[in-house]
Amino acid sequence: MKITIARRQLRLVAATVAALALGLTGAASSPAAASDTISAAASAVASAVADCPTAELFATNNTAVITDPADPGLRTHLTRFDHEVRGIIRAHGSTPVASKLLQGVFWSGDLWQATYERSREFDINRVSRDGLNHMAGVIAKTYHQESVLTFRCLPRTSPETDALEIEAPGVSASRLHDELVADPVARDKLGGGSVTVDGRLILIAPLADLPLAREFAAKLGVDWDTAQVRYGDREFVS
């Protein structure tokens, strides 16, 4: 699929404006009032689009299973890895934007305990669905990963939307660990999440598990009204 998410979202803005224009015909008190309402709606959609990159990619070069929070591997900044992955993104014709260092906490059913992962999240623009999938596959093979997680930002109403991403401040890796271990439903269905170095939770969950994700976020001290929630398509690429 060669059409980018940005183009798809621009069509969404146009469709929203057109729908509002039809719905307001004869209803607004004046043409100026209708124009102001349409402009406000278009601005709201455009703002939501601008706040989300085309796609996000979560990856690491670590191959060890880490169960000790004091493991030296969790202190690396993955600086060289950051440069290398950016190079892979550019080589595939896409644009790397921001990159965040993450501390992941995930539940292992095999080990029956929580594991830790140092990783990075890469924001990417100018990338199609197929291009993102191929890029993630290259990264998985290059760094010997079982899988690489991708998330494409989409409107909530898109037929391709199957997941949500919750981002909120005020969460530590230790708090995430403790709540994950204490909640058997969340650890089995959500699997875990990540925290940035400045204490922002990043949790990607299936759309069907929205109530559970919201409940688990509340246990972490997240105020849902101030959390940033994005919708899209997630995929584990091997």
C-alpha atoms as a PDB file:
ATOM      1  CA  MET A   1       0.000   0.000   0.000  1.00  0.00           C
ATOM      2  CA  LYS A   2       1.657   3.173  -1.219  1.00  0.00           C
ATOM      3  CA  ILE A   3      -0.730   5.780   0.180  1.00  0.00           C
ATOM      4  CA  THR A   4       0.688   7.235   3.393  1.00  0.00           C
ATOM      5  CA  ILE A   5      -1.282   7.765   6.596  1.00  0.00           C
ATOM      6  CA  ALA A   6      -0.746  11.528   6.246  1.00  0.00           C
ATOM      7  CA  ARG A   7      -2.612  11.547   2.910  1.00  0.00           C
ATOM      8  CA  ARG A   8      -5.371   9.400   4.358  1.00  0.00           C
ATOM      9  CA  GLN A   9      -5.740  11.806   7.286  1.00  0.00           C
ATOM     10  CA  LEU A  10      -5.891  14.810   4.938  1.00  0.00           C
ATOM     11  CA  ARG A  11      -8.791  13.128   3.163  1.00  0.00           C
ATOM     12  CA  LEU A  12     -10.433  12.687   6.588  1.00  0.00           C
ATOM     13  CA  VAL A  13     -10.182  16.456   7.183  1.00  0.00           C
ATOM     14  CA  ALA A  14     -11.722  17.149   3.786  1.00  0.00           C
ATOM     15  CA  ALA A  15     -14.528  14.659   4.427  1.00  0.00           C
ATOM     16  CA  THR A  16     -15.241  16.190   7.826  1.00  0.00           C
ATOM     17  CA  VAL A  17     -15.449  19.677   6.366  1.00  0.00           C
ATOM     18  CA  ALA A  18     -17.745  18.492   3.574  1.00  0.00           C
ATOM     19  CA  ALA A  19     -20.052  16.652   5.978  1.00  0.00           C
ATOM     20  CA  LEU A  20     -20.311  19.664   8.233  1.00  0.00           C
ATOM     21  CA  ALA A  21     -21.031  21.914   5.279  1.00  0.00           C
ATOM     22  CA  LEU A  22     -23.937  19.679   4.201  1.00  0.00           C
ATOM     23  CA  GLY A  23     -25.298  19.314   7.716  1.00  0.00           C
ATOM     24  CA  LEU A  24     -25.229  23.046   8.374  1.00  0.00           C
ATOM     25  CA  THR A  25     -27.005  24.104   5.177  1.00  0.00           C
ATOM     26  CA  GLY A  26     -29.961  26.174   6.307  1.00  0.00           C
ATOM     27  CA  ALA A  27     -29.211  25.505   9.975  1.00  0.00           C
ATOM     28  CA  ALA A  28     -26.634  28.176  10.729  1.00  0.00           C
ATOM     29  CA  SER A  29     -27.825  31.688  11.429  1.00  0.00           C
ATOM     30  CA  SER A  30     -25.497  33.092   8.769  1.00  0.00           C
ATOM     31  CA  PRO A  31     -22.881  31.960   6.190  1.00  0.00           C
ATOM     32  CA  ALA A  32     -20.192  33.382   8.458  1.00  0.00           C
ATOM     33  CA  ALA A  33     -21.395  31.271  11.393  1.00  0.00           C
ATOM     34  CA  ALA A  34     -21.345  28.130   9.255  1.00  0.00           C
ATOM     35  CA  SER A  35     -17.855  28.988   8.014  1.00  0.00           C
ATOM     36  CA  ASP A  36     -16.581  29.493  11.574  1.00  0.00           C
ATOM     37  CA  THR A  37     -18.043  26.132  12.710  1.00  0.00           C
ATOM     38  CA  ILE A  38     -16.521  24.271   9.770  1.00  0.00           C
ATOM     39  CA  SER A  39     -13.122  25.921  10.309  1.00  0.00           C
ATOM     40  CA  ALA A  40     -13.160  24.998  13.993  1.00  0.00           C
ATOM     41  CA  ALA A  41     -13.952  21.351  13.219  1.00  0.00           C
ATOM     42  CA  ALA A  42     -11.266  21.163  10.558  1.00  0.00           C
ATOM     43  CA  SER A  43      -8.749  22.728  12.933  1.00  0.00           C
ATOM     44  CA  ALA A  44      -9.586  20.160  15.635  1.00  0.00           C
ATOM     45  CA  VAL A  45      -9.043  17.243  13.239  1.00  0.00           C
ATOM     46  CA  ALA A  46      -5.838  18.791  11.883  1.00  0.00           C
ATOM     47  CA  SER A  47      -4.559  19.299  15.432  1.00  0.00           C
ATOM     48  CA  ALA A  48      -5.149  15.634  16.293  1.00  0.00           C
ATOM     49  CA  VAL A  49      -3.372  14.593  13.101  1.00  0.00           C
ATOM     50  CA  ALA A  50      -0.405  16.897  13.729  1.00  0.00           C
ATOM     51  CA  ASP A  51       0.031  15.499  17.227  1.00  0.00           C
ATOM     52  CA  CYS A  52       0.694  11.971  15.968  1.00  0.00           C
ATOM     53  CA  PRO A  53       3.505  10.756  13.697  1.00  0.00           C
ATOM     54  CA  THR A  54       2.687   8.533  10.749  1.00  0.00           C
ATOM     55  CA  ALA A  55       4.033   5.540  12.660  1.00  0.00           C
ATOM     56  CA  GLU A  56       6.012   4.442  15.705  1.00  0.00           C
ATOM     57  CA  LEU A  57       8.483   1.591  15.949  1.00  0.00           C
ATOM     58  CA  PHE A  58       9.626  -0.010  19.217  1.00  0.00           C
ATOM     59  CA  ALA A  59      12.903  -1.945  19.097  1.00  0.00           C
ATOM     60  CA  THR A  60      16.073  -2.955  20.921  1.00  0.00           C
ATOM     61  CA  ASN A  61      19.358  -4.696  20.194  1.00  0.00           C
ATOM     62  CA  ASN A  62      19.237  -6.663  23.455  1.00  0.00           C
ATOM     63  CA  THR A  63      18.953 -10.444  23.227  1.00  0.00           C
ATOM     64  CA  ALA A  64      19.361 -11.302  26.925  1.00  0.00           C
ATOM     65  CA  VAL A  65      16.486 -12.057  29.299  1.00  0.00           C
ATOM     66  CA  ILE A  66      16.776  -9.520  32.130  1.00  0.00           C
ATOM     67  CA  THR A  67      14.977 -10.118  35.408  1.00  0.00           C
ATOM     68  CA  ASP A  68      17.170  -7.968  37.694  1.00  0.00           C
ATOM     69  CA  PRO A  69      16.230  -4.247  37.757  1.00  0.00           C
ATOM     70  CA  ALA A  70      19.856  -3.466  38.674  1.00  0.00           C
ATOM     71  CA  ASP A  71      21.265  -5.188  35.565  1.00  0.00           C
ATOM     72  CA  PRO A  72      23.930  -2.965  33.890  1.00  0.00           C
ATOM     73  CA  GLY A  73      22.243  -3.520  30.532  1.00  0.00           C
ATOM     74  CA  LEU A  74      19.339  -1.386  31.704  1.00  0.00           C
ATOM     75  CA  ARG A  75      21.592   1.666  32.047  1.00  0.00           C
ATOM     76  CA  THR A  76      22.678   1.863  28.419  1.00  0.00           C
ATOM     77  CA  HIS A  77      21.370   4.765  26.326  1.00  0.00           C
ATOM     78  CA  LEU A  78      21.404   2.723  23.090  1.00  0.00           C
ATOM     79  CA  THR A  79      23.057   5.677  21.348  1.00  0.00           C
ATOM     80  CA  ARG A  80      24.750   3.695  18.587  1.00  0.00           C
ATOM     81  CA  PHE A  81      21.593   1.647  18.104  1.00  0.00           C
ATOM     82  CA  ASP A  82      19.656   4.896  17.723  1.00  0.00           C
ATOM     83  CA  HIS A  83      21.960   6.073  14.902  1.00  0.00           C
ATOM     84  CA  GLU A  84      21.870   2.682  13.177  1.00  0.00           C
ATOM     85  CA  VAL A  85      18.079   2.388  13.200  1.00  0.00           C
ATOM     86  CA  ARG A  86      17.738   5.954  11.914  1.00  0.00           C
ATOM     87  CA  GLY A  87      20.003   4.932   9.067  1.00  0.00           C
ATOM     88  CA  ILE A  88      17.788   1.943   8.279  1.00  0.00           C
ATOM     89  CA  ILE A  89      14.710   4.183   8.304  1.00  0.00           C
ATOM     90  CA  ARG A  90      16.314   6.647   5.875  1.00  0.00           C
ATOM     91  CA  ALA A  91      17.564   3.836   3.643  1.00  0.00           C
ATOM     92  CA  HIS A  92      13.951   2.744   3.200  1.00  0.00           C
ATOM     93  CA  GLY A  93      12.886   6.196   2.037  1.00  0.00           C
ATOM     94  CA  SER A  94      11.205   7.282   5.274  1.00  0.00           C
ATOM     95  CA  THR A  95      11.928  10.108   7.704  1.00  0.00           C
ATOM     96  CA  PRO A  96      13.018   9.430  11.308  1.00  0.00           C
ATOM     97  CA  VAL A  97      11.730  12.081  13.689  1.00  0.00           C
ATOM     98  CA  ALA A  98      12.032  11.801  17.481  1.00  0.00           C
ATOM     99  CA  SER A  99      13.466   8.855  19.412  1.00  0.00           C
ATOM    100  CA  LYS A 100      12.699   8.053  23.050  1.00  0.00           C
ATOM    101  CA  LEU A 101      14.736   5.856  25.400  1.00  0.00           C
ATOM    102  CA  LEU A 102      12.467   3.400  27.208  1.00  0.00           C
ATOM    103  CA  GLN A 103      12.535   1.041  30.167  1.00  0.00           C
ATOM    104  CA  GLY A 104      10.135  -1.786  29.397  1.00  0.00           C
ATOM    105  CA  VAL A 105       8.543  -4.124  31.915  1.00  0.00           C
ATOM    106  CA  PHE A 106       6.922  -7.275  30.496  1.00  0.00           C
ATOM    107  CA  TRP A 107       5.410 -10.417  31.938  1.00  0.00           C
ATOM    108  CA  SER A 108       6.970 -13.743  30.951  1.00  0.00           C
ATOM    109  CA  GLY A 109       4.587 -16.684  31.181  1.00  0.00           C
ATOM    110  CA  ASP A 110       7.482 -19.081  30.689  1.00  0.00           C
ATOM    111  CA  LEU A 111       9.519 -17.656  33.570  1.00  0.00           C
ATOM    112  CA  TRP A 112       6.437 -16.717  35.561  1.00  0.00           C
ATOM    113  CA  GLN A 113       7.945 -13.357  36.463  1.00  0.00           C
ATOM    114  CA  ALA A 114       8.421  -9.865  35.092  1.00  0.00           C
ATOM    115  CA  THR A 115      11.328  -9.100  32.766  1.00  0.00           C
ATOM    116  CA  TYR A 116      12.967  -5.799  31.876  1.00  0.00           C
ATOM    117  CA  GLU A 117      13.967  -4.393  28.501  1.00  0.00           C
ATOM    118  CA  ARG A 118      15.960  -1.322  27.501  1.00  0.00           C
ATOM    119  CA  SER A 119      14.638  -0.127  24.151  1.00  0.00           C
ATOM    120  CA  ARG A 120      13.864   2.870  21.987  1.00  0.00           C
ATOM    121  CA  GLU A 121      10.706   4.173  20.368  1.00  0.00           C
ATOM    122  CA  PHE A 122      11.191   5.794  16.960  1.00  0.00           C
ATOM    123  CA  ASP A 123       8.715   8.241  15.422  1.00  0.00           C
ATOM    124  CA  ILE A 124       8.593   7.855  11.629  1.00  0.00           C
ATOM    125  CA  ASN A 125       7.020   9.955   8.886  1.00  0.00           C
ATOM    126  CA  ARG A 126       6.608   9.288   5.173  1.00  0.00           C
ATOM    127  CA  VAL A 127       6.061   5.553   5.531  1.00  0.00           C
ATOM    128  CA  SER A 128       3.357   3.236   4.168  1.00  0.00           C
ATOM    129  CA  ARG A 129       1.949   0.197   5.927  1.00  0.00           C
ATOM    130  CA  ASP A 130       3.968  -2.191   3.774  1.00  0.00           C
ATOM    131  CA  GLY A 131       7.080  -0.050   4.084  1.00  0.00           C
ATOM    132  CA  LEU A 132       6.804  -0.014   7.882  1.00  0.00           C
ATOM    133  CA  ASN A 133       6.334  -3.782   7.972  1.00  0.00           C
ATOM    134  CA  HIS A 134       9.379  -4.385   5.786  1.00  0.00           C
ATOM    135  CA  MET A 135      11.505  -1.948   7.788  1.00  0.00           C
ATOM    136  CA  ALA A 136      10.558  -3.610  11.077  1.00  0.00           C
ATOM    137  CA  GLY A 137      11.406  -7.016   9.614  1.00  0.00           C
ATOM    138  CA  VAL A 138      14.868  -5.792   8.626  1.00  0.00           C
ATOM    139  CA  ILE A 139      15.470  -4.442  12.134  1.00  0.00           C
ATOM    140  CA  ALA A 140      14.250  -7.682  13.740  1.00  0.00           C
ATOM    141  CA  LYS A 141      16.628  -9.777  11.633  1.00  0.00           C
ATOM    142  CA  THR A 142      19.568  -7.372  11.962  1.00  0.00           C
ATOM    143  CA  TYR A 143      19.416  -7.365  15.764  1.00  0.00           C
ATOM    144  CA  HIS A 144      18.205 -10.964  16.227  1.00  0.00           C
ATOM    145  CA  GLN A 145      14.865 -10.023  17.765  1.00  0.00           C
ATOM    146  CA  GLU A 146      11.854 -12.303  18.055  1.00  0.00           C
ATOM    147  CA  SER A 147       9.719  -9.359  16.978  1.00  0.00           C
ATOM    148  CA  VAL A 148       9.589  -5.586  16.579  1.00  0.00           C
ATOM    149  CA  LEU A 149       6.446  -3.695  17.586  1.00  0.00           C
ATOM    150  CA  THR A 150       4.979  -1.112  15.193  1.00  0.00           C
ATOM    151  CA  PHE A 151       2.068   1.264  15.687  1.00  0.00           C
ATOM    152  CA  ARG A 152       0.480   3.281  12.872  1.00  0.00           C
ATOM    153  CA  CYS A 153      -1.583   6.263  14.007  1.00  0.00           C
ATOM    154  CA  LEU A 154      -5.095   6.179  12.521  1.00  0.00           C
ATOM    155  CA  PRO A 155      -8.489   7.747  13.240  1.00  0.00           C
ATOM    156  CA  ARG A 156     -10.418   5.780  15.842  1.00  0.00           C
ATOM    157  CA  THR A 157     -13.118   5.091  13.251  1.00  0.00           C
ATOM    158  CA  SER A 158     -10.713   3.621  10.694  1.00  0.00           C
ATOM    159  CA  PRO A 159     -11.483  -0.029   9.796  1.00  0.00           C
ATOM    160  CA  GLU A 160      -7.773  -0.740  10.294  1.00  0.00           C
ATOM    161  CA  THR A 161      -7.704   0.549  13.876  1.00  0.00           C
ATOM    162  CA  ASP A 162      -7.245  -2.334  16.308  1.00  0.00           C
ATOM    163  CA  ALA A 163      -5.250  -0.814  19.185  1.00  0.00           C
ATOM    164  CA  LEU A 164      -4.702   2.235  21.332  1.00  0.00           C
ATOM    165  CA  GLU A 165      -1.643   3.888  22.823  1.00  0.00           C
ATOM    166  CA  ILE A 166      -1.802   5.517  26.238  1.00  0.00           C
ATOM    167  CA  GLU A 167       0.867   8.038  27.205  1.00  0.00           C
ATOM    168  CA  ALA A 168       0.800   9.722  30.610  1.00  0.00           C
ATOM    169  CA  PRO A 169       3.276  11.274  33.079  1.00  0.00           C
ATOM    170  CA  GLY A 170       4.099  10.270  36.618  1.00  0.00           C
ATOM    171  CA  VAL A 171       4.799   6.540  36.287  1.00  0.00           C
ATOM    172  CA  SER A 172       8.044   4.788  37.251  1.00  0.00           C
ATOM    173  CA  ALA A 173       9.356   1.456  35.995  1.00  0.00           C
ATOM    174  CA  SER A 174       9.212   0.077  39.549  1.00  0.00           C
ATOM    175  CA  ARG A 175       5.546   1.077  39.895  1.00  0.00           C
ATOM    176  CA  LEU A 176       4.767  -0.504  36.533  1.00  0.00           C
ATOM    177  CA  HIS A 177       6.555  -3.690  37.639  1.00  0.00           C
ATOM    178  CA  ASP A 178       4.723  -3.935  40.962  1.00  0.00           C
ATOM    179  CA  GLU A 179       1.258  -3.348  39.493  1.00  0.00           C
ATOM    180  CA  LEU A 180       1.882  -5.741  36.619  1.00  0.00           C
ATOM    181  CA  VAL A 181       2.960  -8.536  38.966  1.00  0.00           C
ATOM    182  CA  ALA A 182      -0.040  -7.889  41.224  1.00  0.00           C
ATOM    183  CA  ASP A 183      -2.616  -7.940  38.413  1.00  0.00           C
ATOM    184  CA  PRO A 184      -2.889 -11.376  36.733  1.00  0.00           C
ATOM    185  CA  VAL A 185      -5.521 -10.217  34.224  1.00  0.00           C
ATOM    186  CA  ALA A 186      -3.530  -7.188  33.079  1.00  0.00           C
ATOM    187  CA  ARG A 187      -0.260  -9.073  32.817  1.00  0.00           C
ATOM    188  CA  ASP A 188      -1.851 -11.857  30.759  1.00  0.00           C
ATOM    189  CA  LYS A 189      -3.829  -9.637  28.394  1.00  0.00           C
ATOM    190  CA  LEU A 190      -1.715  -6.466  28.193  1.00  0.00           C
ATOM    191  CA  GLY A 191       1.666  -8.138  28.612  1.00  0.00           C
ATOM    192  CA  GLY A 192       3.389  -5.045  29.982  1.00  0.00           C
ATOM    193  CA  GLY A 193       4.403  -1.547  29.003  1.00  0.00           C
ATOM    194  CA  SER A 194       7.247   0.943  28.955  1.00  0.00           C
ATOM    195  CA  VAL A 195       8.311   4.105  30.755  1.00  0.00           C
ATOM    196  CA  THR A 196      10.438   6.929  29.371  1.00  0.00           C
ATOM    197  CA  VAL A 197      13.449   8.223  31.302  1.00  0.00           C
ATOM    198  CA  ASP A 198      11.390  11.215  32.460  1.00  0.00           C
ATOM    199  CA  GLY A 199       8.632   8.991  33.862  1.00  0.00           C
ATOM    200  CA  ARG A 200       6.007   8.892  31.100  1.00  0.00           C
ATOM    201  CA  LEU A 201       4.031   5.683  30.681  1.00  0.00           C
ATOM    202  CA  ILE A 202       3.651   4.267  27.164  1.00  0.00           C
ATOM    203  CA  LEU A 203       1.129   1.450  27.017  1.00  0.00           C
ATOM    204  CA  ILE A 204      -0.149  -0.082  23.765  1.00  0.00           C
ATOM    205  CA  ALA A 205      -3.150  -2.364  24.083  1.00  0.00           C
ATOM    206  CA  PRO A 206      -5.725  -4.060  21.840  1.00  0.00           C
ATOM    207  CA  LEU A 207      -8.767  -1.860  21.265  1.00  0.00           C
ATOM    208  CA  ALA A 208     -10.943  -4.641  22.672  1.00  0.00           C
ATOM    209  CA  ASP A 209      -9.066  -4.297  25.981  1.00  0.00           C
ATOM    210  CA  LEU A 210      -9.678  -0.559  26.348  1.00  0.00           C
ATOM    211  CA  PRO A 211     -11.609  -0.915  29.647  1.00  0.00           C
ATOM    212  CA  LEU A 212      -8.844  -3.104  31.091  1.00  0.00           C
ATOM    213  CA  ALA A 213      -6.109  -0.727  29.894  1.00  0.00           C
ATOM    214  CA  ARG A 214      -7.933   2.204  31.432  1.00  0.00           C
ATOM    215  CA  GLU A 215      -8.379   0.365  34.728  1.00  0.00           C
ATOM    216  CA  PHE A 216      -4.716  -0.672  34.796  1.00  0.00           C
ATOM    217  CA  ALA A 217      -3.593   2.885  34.008  1.00  0.00           C
ATOM    218  CA  ALA A 218      -5.659   4.111  36.955  1.00  0.00           C
ATOM    219  CA  LYS A 219      -3.845   1.653  39.241  1.00  0.00           C
ATOM    220  CA  LEU A 220      -0.604   3.256  38.059  1.00  0.00           C
ATOM    221  CA  GLY A 221      -1.909   6.652  39.172  1.00  0.00           C
ATOM    222  CA  VAL A 222      -2.785   7.894  35.686  1.00  0.00           C
ATOM    223  CA  ASP A 223      -5.473  10.578  35.394  1.00  0.00           C
ATOM    224  CA  TRP A 224      -7.379   9.509  32.272  1.00  0.00           C
ATOM    225  CA  ASP A 225      -8.541  13.072  31.609  1.00  0.00           C
ATOM    226  CA  THR A 226      -4.938  14.235  31.197  1.00  0.00           C
ATOM    227  CA  ALA A 227      -3.588  11.123  29.445  1.00  0.00           C
ATOM    228  CA  GLN A 228      -2.813  11.251  25.736  1.00  0.00           C
ATOM    229  CA  VAL A 229      -4.687   8.473  23.945  1.00  0.00           C
ATOM    230  CA  ARG A 230      -3.962   7.617  20.314  1.00  0.00           C
ATOM    231  CA  TYR A 231      -5.606   5.016  18.122  1.00  0.00           C
ATOM    232  CA  GLY A 232      -4.142   2.949  15.327  1.00  0.00           C
ATOM    233  CA  ASP A 233      -2.922  -0.368  14.017  1.00  0.00           C
ATOM    234  CA  ARG A 234      -0.331  -2.349  15.970  1.00  0.00           C
ATOM    235  CA  GLU A 235       1.717  -5.255  14.654  1.00  0.00           C
ATOM    236  CA  PHE A 236       4.478  -7.508  15.971  1.00  0.00           C
ATOM    237  CA  VAL A 237       6.865  -8.050  13.062  1.00  0.00           C
ATOM    238  CA  SER A 238       9.442 -10.845  13.090  1.00  0.00           C
END
